[in-house]
C-alpha atoms as a PDB file:
ATOM      1  CA  ILE A   1      28.241 104.378  66.287  1.00  0.00           C
ATOM      2  CA  ASN A   2      27.124 107.888  66.800  1.00  0.00           C
ATOM      3  CA  ARG A   3      24.869 108.022  63.760  1.00  0.00           C
ATOM      4  CA  THR A   4      27.715 107.264  61.480  1.00  0.00           C
ATOM      5  CA  PRO A   5      26.424 105.705  58.138  1.00  0.00           C
ATOM      6  CA  ILE A   6      27.657 102.027  57.770  1.00  0.00           C
ATOM      7  CA  PHE A   7      27.537 100.563  54.153  1.00  0.00           C
ATOM      8  CA  ALA A   8      27.866  96.681  53.368  1.00  0.00           C
ATOM      9  CA  LEU A   9      28.836  95.140  50.022  1.00  0.00           C
ATOM     10  CA  ASP A  10      28.699  91.566  48.922  1.00  0.00           C
ATOM     11  CA  ALA A  11      32.324  90.985  47.839  1.00  0.00           C
ATOM     12  CA  LYS A  12      31.200  87.672  46.013  1.00  0.00           C
ATOM     13  CA  GLU A  13      28.907  89.476  43.867  1.00  0.00           C
ATOM     14  CA  GLN A  14      31.103  92.402  43.096  1.00  0.00           C
ATOM     15  CA  ASP A  15      34.088  89.942  42.513  1.00  0.00           C
ATOM     16  CA  ILE A  16      36.192  92.000  44.738  1.00  0.00           C
ATOM     17  CA  HIS A  17      39.551  90.864  45.748  1.00  0.00           C
ATOM     18  CA  VAL A  18      41.777  92.170  48.358  1.00  0.00           C
ATOM     19  CA  LYS A  19      45.480  92.292  48.888  1.00  0.00           C
ATOM     20  CA  ASP A  20      47.100  90.849  51.977  1.00  0.00           C
ATOM     21  CA  GLY A  21      43.677  89.823  53.490  1.00  0.00           C
ATOM     22  CA  THR A  22      41.282  87.208  53.456  1.00  0.00           C
ATOM     23  CA  PHE A  23      37.407  86.912  53.741  1.00  0.00           C
ATOM     24  CA  VAL A  24      35.973  84.942  56.523  1.00  0.00           C
ATOM     25  CA  ASN A  25      32.586  83.287  56.918  1.00  0.00           C
ATOM     26  CA  THR A  26      30.558  85.669  59.393  1.00  0.00           C
ATOM     27  CA  ARG A  27      28.513  82.828  60.673  1.00  0.00           C
ATOM     28  CA  THR A  28      31.495  81.098  62.154  1.00  0.00           C
ATOM     29  CA  SER A  29      33.713  84.044  62.796  1.00  0.00           C
ATOM     30  CA  ALA A  30      31.304  86.756  64.165  1.00  0.00           C
ATOM     31  CA  PRO A  31      31.259  85.108  67.553  1.00  0.00           C
ATOM     32  CA  LEU A  32      34.896  85.977  67.957  1.00  0.00           C
ATOM     33  CA  PHE A  33      34.428  89.631  67.237  1.00  0.00           C
ATOM     34  CA  SER A  34      33.665  92.609  69.627  1.00  0.00           C
ATOM     35  CA  THR A  35      29.916  92.916  70.139  1.00  0.00           C
ATOM     36  CA  LEU A  36      29.685  95.838  67.936  1.00  0.00           C
ATOM     37  CA  HIS A  37      31.558  94.341  65.132  1.00  0.00           C
ATOM     38  CA  ASN A  38      29.550  90.791  65.487  1.00  0.00           C
ATOM     39  CA  GLU A  39      26.241  92.763  65.178  1.00  0.00           C
ATOM     40  CA  LEU A  40      27.596  94.885  62.140  1.00  0.00           C
ATOM     41  CA  ALA A  41      28.943  91.768  60.385  1.00  0.00           C
ATOM     42  CA  LEU A  42      25.886  89.642  60.890  1.00  0.00           C
ATOM     43  CA  HIS A  43      23.438  92.536  59.825  1.00  0.00           C
ATOM     44  CA  ALA A  44      25.404  93.050  56.807  1.00  0.00           C
ATOM     45  CA  THR A  45      25.638  89.479  55.893  1.00  0.00           C
ATOM     46  CA  ALA A  46      21.717  89.140  56.430  1.00  0.00           C
ATOM     47  CA  TYR A  47      21.182  92.079  54.148  1.00  0.00           C
ATOM     48  CA  THR A  48      23.421  91.293  51.401  1.00  0.00           C
ATOM     49  CA  THR A  49      22.330  87.563  51.455  1.00  0.00           C
ATOM     50  CA  TRP A  50      18.665  88.830  51.290  1.00  0.00           C
ATOM     51  CA  GLN A  51      19.402  91.216  48.377  1.00  0.00           C
ATOM     52  CA  SER A  52      21.232  88.486  46.436  1.00  0.00           C
ATOM     53  CA  ASN A  53      18.401  85.970  46.815  1.00  0.00           C
ATOM     54  CA  ASN A  54      15.759  88.348  46.087  1.00  0.00           C
ATOM     55  CA  LYS A  55      16.231  90.057  42.529  1.00  0.00           C
ATOM     56  CA  HIS A  56      12.424  90.263  41.384  1.00  0.00           C
ATOM     57  CA  CYS A  57       9.129  91.276  43.024  1.00  0.00           C
ATOM     58  CA  ALA A  58       7.297  88.513  44.828  1.00  0.00           C
ATOM     59  CA  LYS A  59       3.937  89.811  43.629  1.00  0.00           C
ATOM     60  CA  CYS A  60       4.452  90.483  40.041  1.00  0.00           C
ATOM     61  CA  GLY A  61       7.988  89.373  39.122  1.00  0.00           C
ATOM     62  CA  GLY A  62       9.083  92.703  38.138  1.00  0.00           C
ATOM     63  CA  PRO A  63      12.364  94.211  38.930  1.00  0.00           C
ATOM     64  CA  ILE A  64      13.065  95.852  42.091  1.00  0.00           C
ATOM     65  CA  ASN A  65      14.957  98.694  43.536  1.00  0.00           C
ATOM     66  CA  TYR A  66      16.317  98.838  47.146  1.00  0.00           C
ATOM     67  CA  ILE A  67      15.336 101.744  49.140  1.00  0.00           C
ATOM     68  CA  HIS A  68      15.665 102.931  52.717  1.00  0.00           C
ATOM     69  CA  GLY A  69      19.327 102.142  52.864  1.00  0.00           C
ATOM     70  CA  GLY A  70      18.926  98.795  51.298  1.00  0.00           C
ATOM     71  CA  THR A  71      16.441  97.443  53.921  1.00  0.00           C
ATOM     72  CA  CYS A  72      13.358  97.649  51.919  1.00  0.00           C
ATOM     73  CA  SER A  73      12.852  96.397  48.138  1.00  0.00           C
ATOM     74  CA  LYS A  74      10.359  98.452  45.955  1.00  0.00           C
ATOM     75  CA  CYS A  75       8.949  96.773  42.818  1.00  0.00           C
ATOM     76  CA  THR A  76       9.597  99.119  39.763  1.00  0.00           C
ATOM     77  CA  SER A  77       6.361  97.827  38.005  1.00  0.00           C
ATOM     78  CA  CYS A  78       3.728  97.477  40.688  1.00  0.00           C
ATOM     79  CA  SER A  79       5.367  99.700  43.519  1.00  0.00           C
ATOM     80  CA  SER A  80       4.913  96.790  46.100  1.00  0.00           C
ATOM     81  CA  LEU A  81       7.215  96.957  49.059  1.00  0.00           C
ATOM     82  CA  SER A  82       9.013  93.993  50.511  1.00  0.00           C
ATOM     83  CA  TRP A  83      11.305  93.351  53.700  1.00  0.00           C
ATOM     84  CA  PRO A  84      13.555  90.737  54.599  1.00  0.00           C
ATOM     85  CA  ARG A  85      12.060  87.839  56.858  1.00  0.00           C
ATOM     86  CA  GLN A  86      12.701  88.195  60.476  1.00  0.00           C
ATOM     87  CA  ASP A  87      12.587  84.810  61.999  1.00  0.00           C
ATOM     88  CA  PRO A  88      12.384  84.431  65.686  1.00  0.00           C
ATOM     89  CA  SER A  89      15.229  82.464  67.441  1.00  0.00           C
ATOM     90  CA  MET A  90      16.022  81.576  71.041  1.00  0.00           C
ATOM     91  CA  ILE A  91      19.352  81.040  72.879  1.00  0.00           C
ATOM     92  CA  ALA A  92      19.275  78.969  76.216  1.00  0.00           C
ATOM     93  CA  LEU A  93      21.710  78.405  78.932  1.00  0.00           C
ATOM     94  CA  ILE A  94      21.179  75.107  80.745  1.00  0.00           C
ATOM     95  CA  SER A  95      22.884  75.049  83.988  1.00  0.00           C
ATOM     96  CA  SER A  96      23.227  72.376  86.817  1.00  0.00           C
ATOM     97  CA  ARG A  97      21.068  72.583  89.745  1.00  0.00           C
ATOM     98  CA  ASP A  98      23.965  74.090  91.751  1.00  0.00           C
ATOM     99  CA  GLY A  99      24.688  76.666  89.120  1.00  0.00           C
ATOM    100  CA  ASN A 100      28.252  75.566  88.745  1.00  0.00           C
ATOM    101  CA  ARG A 101      28.180  73.811  85.417  1.00  0.00           C
ATOM    102  CA  VAL A 102      26.620  74.732  82.076  1.00  0.00           C
ATOM    103  CA  LEU A 103      25.822  72.677  78.980  1.00  0.00           C
ATOM    104  CA  LEU A 104      27.724  73.810  75.789  1.00  0.00           C
ATOM    105  CA  ALA A 105      27.466  72.634  72.313  1.00  0.00           C
ATOM    106  CA  ARG A 106      30.086  72.477  69.602  1.00  0.00           C
ATOM    107  CA  SER A 107      29.237  72.695  65.880  1.00  0.00           C
ATOM    108  CA  PRO A 108      31.563  71.342  63.223  1.00  0.00           C
ATOM    109  CA  ARG A 109      31.097  74.640  61.338  1.00  0.00           C
ATOM    110  CA  HIS A 110      32.742  76.463  64.229  1.00  0.00           C
ATOM    111  CA  PRO A 111      36.506  76.963  64.597  1.00  0.00           C
ATOM    112  CA  PRO A 112      38.256  74.559  66.835  1.00  0.00           C
ATOM    113  CA  ARG A 113      37.579  74.903  70.601  1.00  0.00           C
ATOM    114  CA  LEU A 114      34.709  77.260  70.116  1.00  0.00           C
ATOM    115  CA  HIS A 115      31.759  76.100  72.228  1.00  0.00           C
ATOM    116  CA  THR A 116      28.382  77.898  72.298  1.00  0.00           C
ATOM    117  CA  VAL A 117      25.166  77.622  74.462  1.00  0.00           C
ATOM    118  CA  LEU A 118      22.184  76.072  72.962  1.00  0.00           C
END
């Protein structure tokens, strides 16, 4: 990206409408994007979801402002800093003994014919 600033906006919270376009669910659509666009879409979704779900300080309940490009919240009352949770995850590829076959899964939330590793 060559240090190009990138911004995200929660269109639902801002009541934004687009002409001749549609919004898609990033969780189900991001795997169909290029690697770069997948990463950007999922990071943007994670941060905007975190921001919309965390409007008050976890310590004192005061209002918060977002700093560091929206990746950290700072309480206006007690100056407490907070960051989004980063839960670990794991992806596994299960293959046959001969290495010619792999086990794939299909989730009903994915588009038709999209299968993923576990």
